Amino acid sequence: MEIGAGSTIDDNEMIQVPQSMVYTNLNTFINRIYPGIGNPRVQDDQYFLKHIILCPRNNEVHNISEAILQQFNPVPNTEVYILRSVDSVSEEDGMHLAYLVEFLQQLNSSGLPPALLCLKVGYSVILLRNLDPGEGLCNGTRMVVLNARRKVLQCKIISKDRRFRGKVVLVPRIRLSPNADILPVLLKRLQFPVRLAFAMTINKSQE
């Protein structure tokens, strides 16, 4: 926790990581965590429930996810769904006309979906909001994409809970706002409340 907050620690508190656990090549690391990622036939519905890469920061999550997508093509020759958000600034701060759309779409935070979602059938995603806990749609639920339309995603839940495992659900496009102290503006983003789930932040994994 202290390291994450930027604090330093004494040398006698340092822990030596075994060399066998250190990977300097990202692709080698990805194939160690996701064996067979380049061959979708070896994967069952629960494949992505059994594997995950944890990162301290969101930009590292994004970079690792991009590297995984270079290898992972679950259903060849299928459509890439490009889903763009609609961003605006709350009128409460009186500056809602002062920000360019390009600036707003660059803003990001841990509880906010990206402005640009590029999804394909078979991609693993994680839900960022409680939508319907009784149906298994909770913050942190992991799913596999089955289909996408302008206002709704069709997904299949992957879960250890047998009540929801394999359940096909619909995820709507909703308006989201992060905590006011996270971003420099009061952002309102209309987007599907999901992120790619090949990697996630350590904080997100603890929620």
N, C-alpha and C. Protein backbone atom coordinates (compact mmCIF):
# COMPACT_ATOMS: atom_id res chain seq x y z
N MET A 1 0.84 -1.21 0.00
CA MET A 1 0.00 0.00 0.00
C MET A 1 0.87 1.25 0.00
N GLU A 2 1.99 1.21 0.77
CA GLU A 2 2.88 2.37 0.82
C GLU A 2 3.56 2.61 -0.52
N ILE A 3 3.99 1.52 -1.16
CA ILE A 3 4.62 1.65 -2.47
C ILE A 3 3.63 2.24 -3.47
N GLY A 4 2.40 1.76 -3.43
CA GLY A 4 1.38 2.27 -4.34
C GLY A 4 1.10 3.74 -4.14
N ALA A 5 1.27 4.22 -2.93
CA ALA A 5 1.04 5.64 -2.62
C ALA A 5 2.28 6.48 -2.91
N GLY A 6 3.35 5.85 -3.40
CA GLY A 6 4.55 6.60 -3.74
C GLY A 6 5.58 6.68 -2.62
N SER A 7 5.32 6.01 -1.49
CA SER A 7 6.27 6.05 -0.38
C SER A 7 7.43 5.08 -0.63
N THR A 8 8.54 5.33 0.00
CA THR A 8 9.70 4.44 -0.10
C THR A 8 9.75 3.54 1.12
N ILE A 9 10.47 2.42 0.99
CA ILE A 9 10.61 1.50 2.12
C ILE A 9 12.10 1.23 2.34
N ASP A 10 12.45 0.71 3.52
CA ASP A 10 13.84 0.42 3.86
C ASP A 10 14.34 -0.78 3.07
N ASP A 11 15.66 -0.80 2.86
CA ASP A 11 16.26 -1.91 2.11
C ASP A 11 16.01 -3.25 2.77
N ASN A 12 15.98 -3.27 4.12
CA ASN A 12 15.78 -4.56 4.80
C ASN A 12 14.34 -5.06 4.68
N GLU A 13 13.46 -4.25 4.10
CA GLU A 13 12.08 -4.68 3.87
C GLU A 13 11.85 -5.13 2.42
N MET A 14 12.93 -5.04 1.61
CA MET A 14 12.81 -5.44 0.21
C MET A 14 12.68 -6.96 0.10
N ILE A 15 11.92 -7.42 -0.87
CA ILE A 15 11.74 -8.85 -1.13
C ILE A 15 12.34 -9.17 -2.49
N GLN A 16 13.21 -10.16 -2.55
CA GLN A 16 13.83 -10.55 -3.81
C GLN A 16 12.89 -11.48 -4.57
N VAL A 17 12.48 -11.06 -5.76
CA VAL A 17 11.60 -11.90 -6.58
C VAL A 17 12.44 -12.97 -7.26
N PRO A 18 12.06 -14.26 -7.14
CA PRO A 18 12.83 -15.33 -7.80
C PRO A 18 12.94 -15.09 -9.30
N GLN A 19 14.10 -15.36 -9.88
CA GLN A 19 14.32 -15.11 -11.29
C GLN A 19 13.37 -15.91 -12.16
N SER A 20 12.92 -17.07 -11.67
CA SER A 20 12.00 -17.91 -12.45
C SER A 20 10.63 -17.25 -12.63
N MET A 21 10.36 -16.21 -11.83
CA MET A 21 9.08 -15.51 -11.92
C MET A 21 9.18 -14.22 -12.72
N VAL A 22 10.37 -13.92 -13.23
CA VAL A 22 10.60 -12.66 -13.94
C VAL A 22 10.58 -12.90 -15.44
N TYR A 23 9.76 -12.14 -16.16
CA TYR A 23 9.68 -12.23 -17.61
C TYR A 23 9.99 -10.86 -18.20
N THR A 24 10.96 -10.82 -19.09
CA THR A 24 11.32 -9.55 -19.73
C THR A 24 10.66 -9.41 -21.10
N ASN A 25 10.13 -10.51 -21.63
CA ASN A 25 9.45 -10.49 -22.92
C ASN A 25 7.95 -10.57 -22.69
N LEU A 26 7.21 -9.56 -23.16
CA LEU A 26 5.77 -9.50 -22.89
C LEU A 26 5.03 -10.68 -23.51
N ASN A 27 5.36 -11.06 -24.72
CA ASN A 27 4.65 -12.17 -25.37
C ASN A 27 4.88 -13.49 -24.66
N THR A 28 6.11 -13.69 -24.16
CA THR A 28 6.40 -14.90 -23.38
C THR A 28 5.56 -14.92 -22.10
N PHE A 29 5.46 -13.75 -21.46
CA PHE A 29 4.65 -13.64 -20.24
C PHE A 29 3.18 -13.93 -20.52
N ILE A 30 2.66 -13.35 -21.61
CA ILE A 30 1.25 -13.57 -21.96
C ILE A 30 0.97 -15.05 -22.21
N ASN A 31 1.87 -15.72 -22.92
CA ASN A 31 1.66 -17.14 -23.22
C ASN A 31 1.83 -18.01 -21.98
N ARG A 32 2.55 -17.51 -20.98
CA ARG A 32 2.65 -18.26 -19.71
C ARG A 32 1.35 -18.15 -18.93
N ILE A 33 0.74 -16.98 -18.91
CA ILE A 33 -0.50 -16.79 -18.17
C ILE A 33 -1.71 -17.31 -18.95
N TYR A 34 -1.69 -17.12 -20.27
CA TYR A 34 -2.78 -17.56 -21.14
C TYR A 34 -2.28 -18.63 -22.10
N PRO A 35 -2.06 -19.85 -21.61
CA PRO A 35 -1.57 -20.91 -22.51
C PRO A 35 -2.60 -21.21 -23.61
N GLY A 36 -2.12 -21.28 -24.83
CA GLY A 36 -3.02 -21.59 -25.94
C GLY A 36 -3.88 -20.43 -26.39
N ILE A 37 -3.53 -19.19 -26.01
CA ILE A 37 -4.37 -18.04 -26.34
C ILE A 37 -4.54 -17.87 -27.85
N GLY A 38 -3.55 -18.32 -28.62
CA GLY A 38 -3.65 -18.18 -30.08
C GLY A 38 -4.48 -19.25 -30.74
N ASN A 39 -4.95 -20.25 -29.97
CA ASN A 39 -5.74 -21.34 -30.52
C ASN A 39 -7.07 -21.43 -29.79
N PRO A 40 -8.13 -20.79 -30.31
CA PRO A 40 -9.40 -20.74 -29.59
C PRO A 40 -10.03 -22.11 -29.34
N ARG A 41 -9.60 -23.11 -30.06
CA ARG A 41 -10.21 -24.44 -29.89
C ARG A 41 -9.85 -25.08 -28.56
N VAL A 42 -8.76 -24.58 -27.91
CA VAL A 42 -8.39 -25.18 -26.63
C VAL A 42 -9.14 -24.54 -25.46
N GLN A 43 -9.98 -23.55 -25.75
CA GLN A 43 -10.60 -22.77 -24.69
C GLN A 43 -12.07 -23.18 -24.49
N ASP A 44 -12.44 -23.38 -23.23
CA ASP A 44 -13.85 -23.60 -22.93
C ASP A 44 -14.45 -22.29 -22.42
N ASP A 45 -15.71 -22.33 -22.03
CA ASP A 45 -16.40 -21.12 -21.60
C ASP A 45 -15.75 -20.48 -20.38
N GLN A 46 -15.09 -21.29 -19.57
CA GLN A 46 -14.52 -20.78 -18.33
C GLN A 46 -13.03 -20.44 -18.44
N TYR A 47 -12.51 -20.48 -19.66
CA TYR A 47 -11.06 -20.25 -19.86
C TYR A 47 -10.61 -18.94 -19.23
N PHE A 48 -11.35 -17.86 -19.50
CA PHE A 48 -10.94 -16.55 -19.02
C PHE A 48 -11.24 -16.35 -17.53
N LEU A 49 -12.00 -17.26 -16.94
CA LEU A 49 -12.22 -17.18 -15.49
C LEU A 49 -11.01 -17.74 -14.74
N LYS A 50 -10.25 -18.59 -15.41
CA LYS A 50 -9.12 -19.26 -14.77
C LYS A 50 -7.81 -18.50 -14.95
N HIS A 51 -7.81 -17.46 -15.79
CA HIS A 51 -6.58 -16.74 -16.09
C HIS A 51 -6.83 -15.24 -16.04
N ILE A 52 -5.90 -14.50 -15.46
CA ILE A 52 -6.00 -13.04 -15.43
C ILE A 52 -4.60 -12.46 -15.16
N ILE A 53 -4.35 -11.29 -15.70
CA ILE A 53 -3.11 -10.57 -15.44
C ILE A 53 -3.46 -9.33 -14.62
N LEU A 54 -2.80 -9.15 -13.49
CA LEU A 54 -3.05 -8.00 -12.62
C LEU A 54 -1.97 -6.94 -12.84
N CYS A 55 -2.39 -5.70 -12.91
CA CYS A 55 -1.48 -4.57 -13.14
C CYS A 55 -1.75 -3.48 -12.10
N PRO A 56 -0.74 -2.68 -11.77
CA PRO A 56 -0.96 -1.59 -10.82
C PRO A 56 -1.69 -0.40 -11.42
N ARG A 57 -1.58 -0.18 -12.75
CA ARG A 57 -2.13 1.03 -13.35
C ARG A 57 -2.94 0.72 -14.60
N ASN A 58 -3.89 1.61 -14.91
CA ASN A 58 -4.78 1.41 -16.05
C ASN A 58 -4.04 1.42 -17.39
N ASN A 59 -3.01 2.25 -17.53
CA ASN A 59 -2.31 2.29 -18.81
C ASN A 59 -1.60 0.97 -19.09
N GLU A 60 -1.14 0.27 -18.05
CA GLU A 60 -0.52 -1.04 -18.24
C GLU A 60 -1.58 -2.08 -18.62
N VAL A 61 -2.76 -1.98 -18.02
CA VAL A 61 -3.87 -2.86 -18.41
C VAL A 61 -4.16 -2.71 -19.89
N HIS A 62 -4.23 -1.47 -20.35
CA HIS A 62 -4.52 -1.20 -21.76
C HIS A 62 -3.44 -1.78 -22.67
N ASN A 63 -2.17 -1.56 -22.32
CA ASN A 63 -1.07 -2.04 -23.17
C ASN A 63 -1.03 -3.56 -23.25
N ILE A 64 -1.27 -4.23 -22.12
CA ILE A 64 -1.25 -5.69 -22.12
C ILE A 64 -2.45 -6.24 -22.90
N SER A 65 -3.61 -5.61 -22.73
CA SER A 65 -4.79 -6.05 -23.48
C SER A 65 -4.56 -5.93 -24.98
N GLU A 66 -3.94 -4.83 -25.41
CA GLU A 66 -3.65 -4.65 -26.82
C GLU A 66 -2.70 -5.73 -27.33
N ALA A 67 -1.71 -6.10 -26.53
CA ALA A 67 -0.77 -7.14 -26.92
C ALA A 67 -1.46 -8.50 -27.02
N ILE A 68 -2.38 -8.78 -26.11
CA ILE A 68 -3.13 -10.04 -26.15
C ILE A 68 -3.99 -10.12 -27.40
N LEU A 69 -4.61 -9.01 -27.77
CA LEU A 69 -5.47 -9.01 -28.94
C LEU A 69 -4.71 -9.27 -30.23
N GLN A 70 -3.40 -9.03 -30.23
CA GLN A 70 -2.59 -9.34 -31.40
C GLN A 70 -2.50 -10.85 -31.62
N GLN A 71 -2.67 -11.62 -30.54
CA GLN A 71 -2.58 -13.08 -30.63
C GLN A 71 -3.94 -13.76 -30.64
N PHE A 72 -4.93 -13.11 -30.02
CA PHE A 72 -6.22 -13.76 -29.77
C PHE A 72 -7.23 -13.38 -30.84
N ASN A 73 -7.69 -14.38 -31.59
CA ASN A 73 -8.72 -14.17 -32.62
C ASN A 73 -9.73 -15.30 -32.47
N PRO A 74 -10.69 -15.13 -31.53
CA PRO A 74 -11.55 -16.25 -31.14
C PRO A 74 -12.40 -16.81 -32.27
N VAL A 75 -12.94 -15.95 -33.12
CA VAL A 75 -13.78 -16.40 -34.23
C VAL A 75 -13.29 -15.68 -35.48
N PRO A 76 -12.42 -16.31 -36.27
CA PRO A 76 -11.85 -15.63 -37.45
C PRO A 76 -12.93 -15.13 -38.40
N ASN A 77 -12.60 -14.03 -39.07
CA ASN A 77 -13.48 -13.45 -40.10
C ASN A 77 -14.80 -12.94 -39.55
N THR A 78 -14.82 -12.60 -38.26
CA THR A 78 -16.03 -12.01 -37.68
C THR A 78 -15.85 -10.50 -37.54
N GLU A 79 -16.97 -9.83 -37.40
CA GLU A 79 -16.99 -8.36 -37.36
C GLU A 79 -16.36 -7.82 -36.08
N VAL A 80 -15.66 -6.71 -36.23
CA VAL A 80 -15.17 -5.96 -35.08
C VAL A 80 -16.21 -4.88 -34.76
N TYR A 81 -16.74 -4.90 -33.55
CA TYR A 81 -17.74 -3.91 -33.15
C TYR A 81 -17.01 -2.70 -32.58
N ILE A 82 -17.14 -1.56 -33.24
CA ILE A 82 -16.52 -0.33 -32.79
C ILE A 82 -17.61 0.52 -32.13
N LEU A 83 -17.51 0.66 -30.82
CA LEU A 83 -18.56 1.29 -30.02
C LEU A 83 -18.00 2.56 -29.38
N ARG A 84 -18.47 3.71 -29.86
CA ARG A 84 -17.99 5.00 -29.38
C ARG A 84 -18.95 5.59 -28.35
N SER A 85 -18.38 6.23 -27.37
CA SER A 85 -19.19 6.87 -26.33
C SER A 85 -19.71 8.22 -26.80
N VAL A 86 -20.70 8.72 -26.07
CA VAL A 86 -21.17 10.10 -26.23
C VAL A 86 -20.82 10.82 -24.93
N ASP A 87 -19.90 11.77 -25.00
CA ASP A 87 -19.39 12.43 -23.81
C ASP A 87 -19.87 13.88 -23.72
N SER A 88 -20.14 14.31 -22.51
CA SER A 88 -20.53 15.69 -22.27
C SER A 88 -20.07 16.08 -20.87
N VAL A 89 -20.14 17.37 -20.59
CA VAL A 89 -19.76 17.89 -19.28
C VAL A 89 -21.01 18.41 -18.59
N SER A 90 -21.10 18.14 -17.30
CA SER A 90 -22.25 18.61 -16.54
C SER A 90 -22.34 20.13 -16.61
N GLU A 91 -23.54 20.64 -16.76
CA GLU A 91 -23.75 22.08 -16.84
C GLU A 91 -23.58 22.76 -15.49
N GLU A 92 -23.42 21.97 -14.43
CA GLU A 92 -23.32 22.55 -13.08
C GLU A 92 -22.09 23.43 -12.91
N ASP A 93 -20.98 23.08 -13.64
CA ASP A 93 -19.77 23.88 -13.45
C ASP A 93 -19.70 25.08 -14.38
N GLY A 94 -20.72 25.27 -15.23
CA GLY A 94 -20.78 26.44 -16.11
C GLY A 94 -19.78 26.44 -17.23
N MET A 95 -19.08 25.32 -17.45
CA MET A 95 -18.06 25.26 -18.49
C MET A 95 -18.37 24.16 -19.51
N HIS A 96 -19.64 23.78 -19.65
CA HIS A 96 -19.99 22.63 -20.47
C HIS A 96 -19.75 22.85 -21.96
N LEU A 97 -19.59 24.11 -22.39
CA LEU A 97 -19.34 24.38 -23.80
C LEU A 97 -17.86 24.64 -24.09
N ALA A 98 -17.04 24.58 -23.06
CA ALA A 98 -15.64 24.96 -23.22
C ALA A 98 -14.72 23.79 -23.57
N TYR A 99 -15.21 22.56 -23.50
CA TYR A 99 -14.36 21.40 -23.70
C TYR A 99 -14.66 20.73 -25.03
N LEU A 100 -13.60 20.42 -25.77
CA LEU A 100 -13.75 19.71 -27.03
C LEU A 100 -14.06 18.24 -26.77
N VAL A 101 -14.82 17.64 -27.70
CA VAL A 101 -15.15 16.22 -27.58
C VAL A 101 -13.88 15.37 -27.54
N GLU A 102 -12.87 15.76 -28.35
CA GLU A 102 -11.62 15.01 -28.40
C GLU A 102 -10.94 14.97 -27.03
N PHE A 103 -11.04 16.09 -26.29
CA PHE A 103 -10.46 16.12 -24.94
C PHE A 103 -11.24 15.21 -24.00
N LEU A 104 -12.55 15.27 -24.05
CA LEU A 104 -13.38 14.47 -23.15
C LEU A 104 -13.17 12.97 -23.39
N GLN A 105 -12.96 12.57 -24.64
CA GLN A 105 -12.82 11.15 -24.93
C GLN A 105 -11.45 10.61 -24.55
N GLN A 106 -10.53 11.49 -24.20
CA GLN A 106 -9.23 11.05 -23.70
C GLN A 106 -9.24 10.82 -22.19
N LEU A 107 -10.28 11.30 -21.53
CA LEU A 107 -10.36 11.15 -20.07
C LEU A 107 -10.68 9.72 -19.70
N ASN A 108 -10.09 9.27 -18.61
CA ASN A 108 -10.27 7.88 -18.22
C ASN A 108 -10.12 7.77 -16.71
N SER A 109 -10.78 6.79 -16.13
CA SER A 109 -10.63 6.47 -14.71
C SER A 109 -10.97 5.00 -14.50
N SER A 110 -10.66 4.47 -13.33
CA SER A 110 -10.79 3.03 -13.10
C SER A 110 -12.24 2.54 -13.20
N GLY A 111 -13.21 3.37 -12.84
CA GLY A 111 -14.60 2.92 -12.87
C GLY A 111 -15.36 3.35 -14.10
N LEU A 112 -14.64 3.84 -15.10
CA LEU A 112 -15.27 4.39 -16.29
C LEU A 112 -14.89 3.56 -17.51
N PRO A 113 -15.84 3.19 -18.37
CA PRO A 113 -15.48 2.46 -19.58
C PRO A 113 -14.74 3.37 -20.55
N PRO A 114 -13.92 2.82 -21.43
CA PRO A 114 -13.21 3.65 -22.40
C PRO A 114 -14.16 4.30 -23.38
N ALA A 115 -13.76 5.45 -23.91
CA ALA A 115 -14.59 6.14 -24.90
C ALA A 115 -14.75 5.32 -26.16
N LEU A 116 -13.74 4.52 -26.49
CA LEU A 116 -13.78 3.67 -27.67
C LEU A 116 -13.63 2.21 -27.26
N LEU A 117 -14.69 1.44 -27.47
CA LEU A 117 -14.66 0.00 -27.21
C LEU A 117 -14.60 -0.74 -28.53
N CYS A 118 -13.59 -1.57 -28.71
CA CYS A 118 -13.49 -2.41 -29.90
C CYS A 118 -13.64 -3.87 -29.44
N LEU A 119 -14.76 -4.48 -29.78
CA LEU A 119 -15.09 -5.82 -29.30
C LEU A 119 -15.32 -6.78 -30.46
N LYS A 120 -15.07 -8.05 -30.19
CA LYS A 120 -15.40 -9.12 -31.13
C LYS A 120 -16.07 -10.24 -30.36
N VAL A 121 -16.77 -11.10 -31.07
CA VAL A 121 -17.37 -12.29 -30.46
C VAL A 121 -16.25 -13.12 -29.82
N GLY A 122 -16.44 -13.47 -28.55
CA GLY A 122 -15.45 -14.26 -27.83
C GLY A 122 -14.54 -13.47 -26.93
N TYR A 123 -14.58 -12.13 -27.03
CA TYR A 123 -13.75 -11.30 -26.15
C TYR A 123 -14.25 -11.37 -24.72
N SER A 124 -13.33 -11.35 -23.77
CA SER A 124 -13.66 -11.34 -22.36
C SER A 124 -13.80 -9.90 -21.86
N VAL A 125 -14.90 -9.61 -21.17
CA VAL A 125 -15.13 -8.27 -20.63
C VAL A 125 -15.55 -8.38 -19.17
N ILE A 126 -15.42 -7.25 -18.45
CA ILE A 126 -15.83 -7.20 -17.05
C ILE A 126 -16.83 -6.06 -16.88
N LEU A 127 -17.88 -6.31 -16.12
CA LEU A 127 -18.92 -5.31 -15.88
C LEU A 127 -18.44 -4.31 -14.83
N LEU A 128 -18.73 -3.03 -15.06
CA LEU A 128 -18.25 -1.96 -14.19
C LEU A 128 -19.33 -1.38 -13.28
N ARG A 129 -20.55 -1.86 -13.38
CA ARG A 129 -21.65 -1.34 -12.56
C ARG A 129 -22.57 -2.48 -12.13
N ASN A 130 -23.27 -2.27 -11.01
CA ASN A 130 -24.34 -3.18 -10.61
C ASN A 130 -25.58 -2.85 -11.44
N LEU A 131 -25.96 -3.74 -12.32
CA LEU A 131 -27.14 -3.52 -13.16
C LEU A 131 -28.34 -4.32 -12.66
N ASP A 132 -28.13 -5.60 -12.36
CA ASP A 132 -29.21 -6.46 -11.90
C ASP A 132 -28.59 -7.64 -11.15
N PRO A 133 -28.22 -7.43 -9.85
CA PRO A 133 -27.55 -8.49 -9.09
C PRO A 133 -28.31 -9.80 -9.06
N GLY A 134 -29.63 -9.73 -9.06
CA GLY A 134 -30.44 -10.94 -9.04
C GLY A 134 -30.27 -11.80 -10.27
N GLU A 135 -29.83 -11.19 -11.37
CA GLU A 135 -29.59 -11.92 -12.61
C GLU A 135 -28.10 -12.13 -12.86
N GLY A 136 -27.28 -11.80 -11.87
CA GLY A 136 -25.84 -12.02 -12.00
C GLY A 136 -25.08 -10.84 -12.56
N LEU A 137 -25.76 -9.72 -12.84
CA LEU A 137 -25.10 -8.56 -13.42
C LEU A 137 -24.63 -7.61 -12.32
N CYS A 138 -23.47 -7.94 -11.75
CA CYS A 138 -22.90 -7.16 -10.65
C CYS A 138 -21.58 -6.52 -11.09
N ASN A 139 -21.19 -5.49 -10.39
CA ASN A 139 -19.88 -4.90 -10.61
C ASN A 139 -18.80 -5.98 -10.42
N GLY A 140 -18.00 -6.21 -11.46
CA GLY A 140 -16.97 -7.24 -11.38
C GLY A 140 -17.33 -8.54 -12.08
N THR A 141 -18.57 -8.69 -12.54
CA THR A 141 -18.96 -9.90 -13.27
C THR A 141 -18.20 -9.98 -14.58
N ARG A 142 -17.64 -11.15 -14.85
CA ARG A 142 -16.90 -11.35 -16.09
C ARG A 142 -17.77 -12.09 -17.09
N MET A 143 -17.66 -11.69 -18.35
CA MET A 143 -18.54 -12.22 -19.40
C MET A 143 -17.76 -12.39 -20.69
N VAL A 144 -18.35 -13.14 -21.62
CA VAL A 144 -17.83 -13.29 -22.97
C VAL A 144 -18.83 -12.68 -23.94
N VAL A 145 -18.34 -11.86 -24.87
CA VAL A 145 -19.21 -11.18 -25.83
C VAL A 145 -19.77 -12.16 -26.85
N LEU A 146 -21.08 -12.11 -27.07
CA LEU A 146 -21.74 -12.93 -28.09
C LEU A 146 -22.19 -12.10 -29.29
N ASN A 147 -22.59 -10.86 -29.03
CA ASN A 147 -23.11 -10.00 -30.10
C ASN A 147 -23.14 -8.56 -29.59
N ALA A 148 -23.22 -7.62 -30.50
CA ALA A 148 -23.26 -6.20 -30.10
C ALA A 148 -24.14 -5.43 -31.07
N ARG A 149 -24.92 -4.53 -30.51
CA ARG A 149 -25.72 -3.60 -31.30
C ARG A 149 -25.52 -2.20 -30.73
N ARG A 150 -26.13 -1.22 -31.33
CA ARG A 150 -25.87 0.16 -30.96
C ARG A 150 -26.26 0.45 -29.51
N LYS A 151 -27.30 -0.21 -29.00
CA LYS A 151 -27.77 0.09 -27.65
C LYS A 151 -27.68 -1.06 -26.67
N VAL A 152 -27.23 -2.23 -27.11
CA VAL A 152 -27.20 -3.38 -26.20
C VAL A 152 -26.10 -4.36 -26.61
N LEU A 153 -25.48 -4.96 -25.59
CA LEU A 153 -24.52 -6.04 -25.79
C LEU A 153 -25.16 -7.35 -25.34
N GLN A 154 -24.94 -8.40 -26.11
CA GLN A 154 -25.37 -9.73 -25.70
C GLN A 154 -24.12 -10.48 -25.24
N CYS A 155 -24.15 -10.93 -23.99
CA CYS A 155 -22.97 -11.57 -23.40
C CYS A 155 -23.37 -12.85 -22.68
N LYS A 156 -22.37 -13.69 -22.42
CA LYS A 156 -22.57 -14.90 -21.62
C LYS A 156 -21.71 -14.79 -20.37
N ILE A 157 -22.33 -15.00 -19.22
CA ILE A 157 -21.62 -14.88 -17.94
C ILE A 157 -20.69 -16.07 -17.75
N ILE A 158 -19.45 -15.78 -17.32
CA ILE A 158 -18.54 -16.83 -16.88
C ILE A 158 -18.36 -16.63 -15.38
N SER A 159 -18.66 -17.64 -14.61
CA SER A 159 -18.69 -17.48 -13.16
C SER A 159 -18.52 -18.83 -12.48
N LYS A 160 -17.98 -18.80 -11.25
CA LYS A 160 -17.93 -20.01 -10.43
C LYS A 160 -19.30 -20.34 -9.86
N ASP A 161 -20.17 -19.34 -9.81
CA ASP A 161 -21.52 -19.52 -9.28
C ASP A 161 -22.38 -20.22 -10.32
N ARG A 162 -22.82 -21.42 -10.01
CA ARG A 162 -23.59 -22.21 -10.98
C ARG A 162 -24.93 -21.59 -11.33
N ARG A 163 -25.42 -20.70 -10.47
CA ARG A 163 -26.70 -20.05 -10.76
C ARG A 163 -26.62 -19.19 -12.02
N PHE A 164 -25.44 -18.63 -12.27
CA PHE A 164 -25.29 -17.68 -13.37
C PHE A 164 -24.36 -18.16 -14.47
N ARG A 165 -23.61 -19.22 -14.22
CA ARG A 165 -22.62 -19.69 -15.19
C ARG A 165 -23.29 -20.04 -16.52
N GLY A 166 -22.81 -19.45 -17.60
CA GLY A 166 -23.34 -19.74 -18.93
C GLY A 166 -24.62 -18.99 -19.28
N LYS A 167 -25.10 -18.15 -18.36
CA LYS A 167 -26.34 -17.42 -18.61
C LYS A 167 -26.13 -16.32 -19.64
N VAL A 168 -27.03 -16.23 -20.61
CA VAL A 168 -26.95 -15.19 -21.63
C VAL A 168 -27.72 -13.97 -21.14
N VAL A 169 -27.06 -12.81 -21.16
CA VAL A 169 -27.64 -11.58 -20.62
C VAL A 169 -27.50 -10.45 -21.62
N LEU A 170 -28.28 -9.40 -21.41
CA LEU A 170 -28.21 -8.20 -22.24
C LEU A 170 -27.70 -7.05 -21.38
N VAL A 171 -26.70 -6.36 -21.87
CA VAL A 171 -26.09 -5.24 -21.15
C VAL A 171 -26.42 -3.96 -21.90
N PRO A 172 -27.17 -3.03 -21.29
CA PRO A 172 -27.57 -1.80 -22.00
C PRO A 172 -26.47 -0.75 -22.00
N ARG A 173 -26.59 0.18 -22.89
CA ARG A 173 -25.73 1.35 -22.94
C ARG A 173 -26.31 2.37 -21.96
N ILE A 174 -25.52 2.81 -21.00
CA ILE A 174 -26.05 3.69 -19.95
C ILE A 174 -25.14 4.91 -19.79
N ARG A 175 -25.64 5.90 -19.04
CA ARG A 175 -24.86 7.09 -18.76
C ARG A 175 -24.13 6.92 -17.43
N LEU A 176 -22.83 7.18 -17.46
CA LEU A 176 -22.00 6.99 -16.27
C LEU A 176 -21.23 8.27 -15.97
N SER A 177 -20.98 8.48 -14.69
CA SER A 177 -20.16 9.61 -14.25
C SER A 177 -19.22 9.13 -13.15
N PRO A 178 -17.93 9.44 -13.25
CA PRO A 178 -16.99 9.06 -12.19
C PRO A 178 -17.15 10.00 -10.99
N ASN A 179 -16.48 9.66 -9.90
CA ASN A 179 -16.48 10.55 -8.74
C ASN A 179 -15.92 11.91 -9.13
N ALA A 180 -16.49 12.95 -8.57
CA ALA A 180 -16.15 14.32 -8.98
C ALA A 180 -14.68 14.66 -8.77
N ASP A 181 -14.02 14.01 -7.81
CA ASP A 181 -12.63 14.34 -7.51
C ASP A 181 -11.62 13.54 -8.31
N ILE A 182 -12.08 12.65 -9.20
CA ILE A 182 -11.17 11.81 -9.98
C ILE A 182 -10.70 12.52 -11.24
N LEU A 183 -11.62 13.20 -11.93
CA LEU A 183 -11.30 13.86 -13.19
C LEU A 183 -11.41 15.38 -13.03
N PRO A 184 -10.77 16.14 -13.91
CA PRO A 184 -10.80 17.61 -13.77
C PRO A 184 -12.13 18.24 -14.14
N VAL A 185 -13.05 17.47 -14.75
CA VAL A 185 -14.36 18.00 -15.12
C VAL A 185 -15.44 17.01 -14.66
N LEU A 186 -16.68 17.49 -14.61
CA LEU A 186 -17.80 16.62 -14.25
C LEU A 186 -18.29 15.92 -15.51
N LEU A 187 -17.62 14.85 -15.85
CA LEU A 187 -17.87 14.14 -17.11
C LEU A 187 -19.11 13.26 -17.02
N LYS A 188 -19.88 13.23 -18.10
CA LYS A 188 -21.00 12.29 -18.26
C LYS A 188 -20.73 11.50 -19.54
N ARG A 189 -20.65 10.18 -19.42
CA ARG A 189 -20.31 9.34 -20.57
C ARG A 189 -21.40 8.31 -20.82
N LEU A 190 -21.95 8.33 -22.03
CA LEU A 190 -22.94 7.33 -22.46
C LEU A 190 -22.18 6.22 -23.17
N GLN A 191 -22.11 5.04 -22.52
CA GLN A 191 -21.32 3.95 -23.06
C GLN A 191 -21.74 2.65 -22.39
N PHE A 192 -21.37 1.53 -22.98
CA PHE A 192 -21.60 0.24 -22.32
C PHE A 192 -20.67 0.14 -21.10
N PRO A 193 -21.19 -0.26 -19.94
CA PRO A 193 -20.38 -0.27 -18.71
C PRO A 193 -19.48 -1.50 -18.61
N VAL A 194 -18.62 -1.68 -19.59
CA VAL A 194 -17.72 -2.83 -19.61
C VAL A 194 -16.32 -2.39 -20.04
N ARG A 195 -15.35 -3.21 -19.68
CA ARG A 195 -13.98 -3.08 -20.16
C ARG A 195 -13.50 -4.47 -20.58
N LEU A 196 -12.48 -4.51 -21.42
CA LEU A 196 -11.82 -5.78 -21.70
C LEU A 196 -11.28 -6.35 -20.40
N ALA A 197 -11.32 -7.68 -20.25
CA ALA A 197 -10.95 -8.30 -18.98
C ALA A 197 -9.80 -9.29 -19.13
N PHE A 198 -8.94 -9.11 -20.13
CA PHE A 198 -7.75 -9.94 -20.22
C PHE A 198 -6.77 -9.57 -19.10
N ALA A 199 -6.81 -8.29 -18.71
CA ALA A 199 -6.00 -7.81 -17.60
C ALA A 199 -6.84 -6.81 -16.82
N MET A 200 -6.52 -6.63 -15.55
CA MET A 200 -7.25 -5.65 -14.73
C MET A 200 -6.33 -5.11 -13.66
N THR A 201 -6.72 -3.98 -13.09
CA THR A 201 -5.91 -3.41 -12.02
C THR A 201 -6.05 -4.23 -10.73
N ILE A 202 -5.04 -4.13 -9.89
CA ILE A 202 -5.09 -4.84 -8.60
C ILE A 202 -6.28 -4.35 -7.78
N ASN A 203 -6.52 -3.05 -7.80
CA ASN A 203 -7.66 -2.50 -7.05
C ASN A 203 -8.97 -3.10 -7.52
N LYS A 204 -9.14 -3.21 -8.85
CA LYS A 204 -10.39 -3.75 -9.39
C LYS A 204 -10.58 -5.20 -8.98
N SER A 205 -9.50 -5.96 -8.90
CA SER A 205 -9.61 -7.37 -8.53
C SER A 205 -10.01 -7.56 -7.08
N GLN A 206 -9.83 -6.51 -6.25
CA GLN A 206 -10.16 -6.61 -4.82
C GLN A 206 -11.56 -6.15 -4.51
N GLU A 207 -12.28 -5.60 -5.51
CA GLU A 207 -13.63 -5.10 -5.25
C GLU A 207 -14.61 -6.24 -5.04
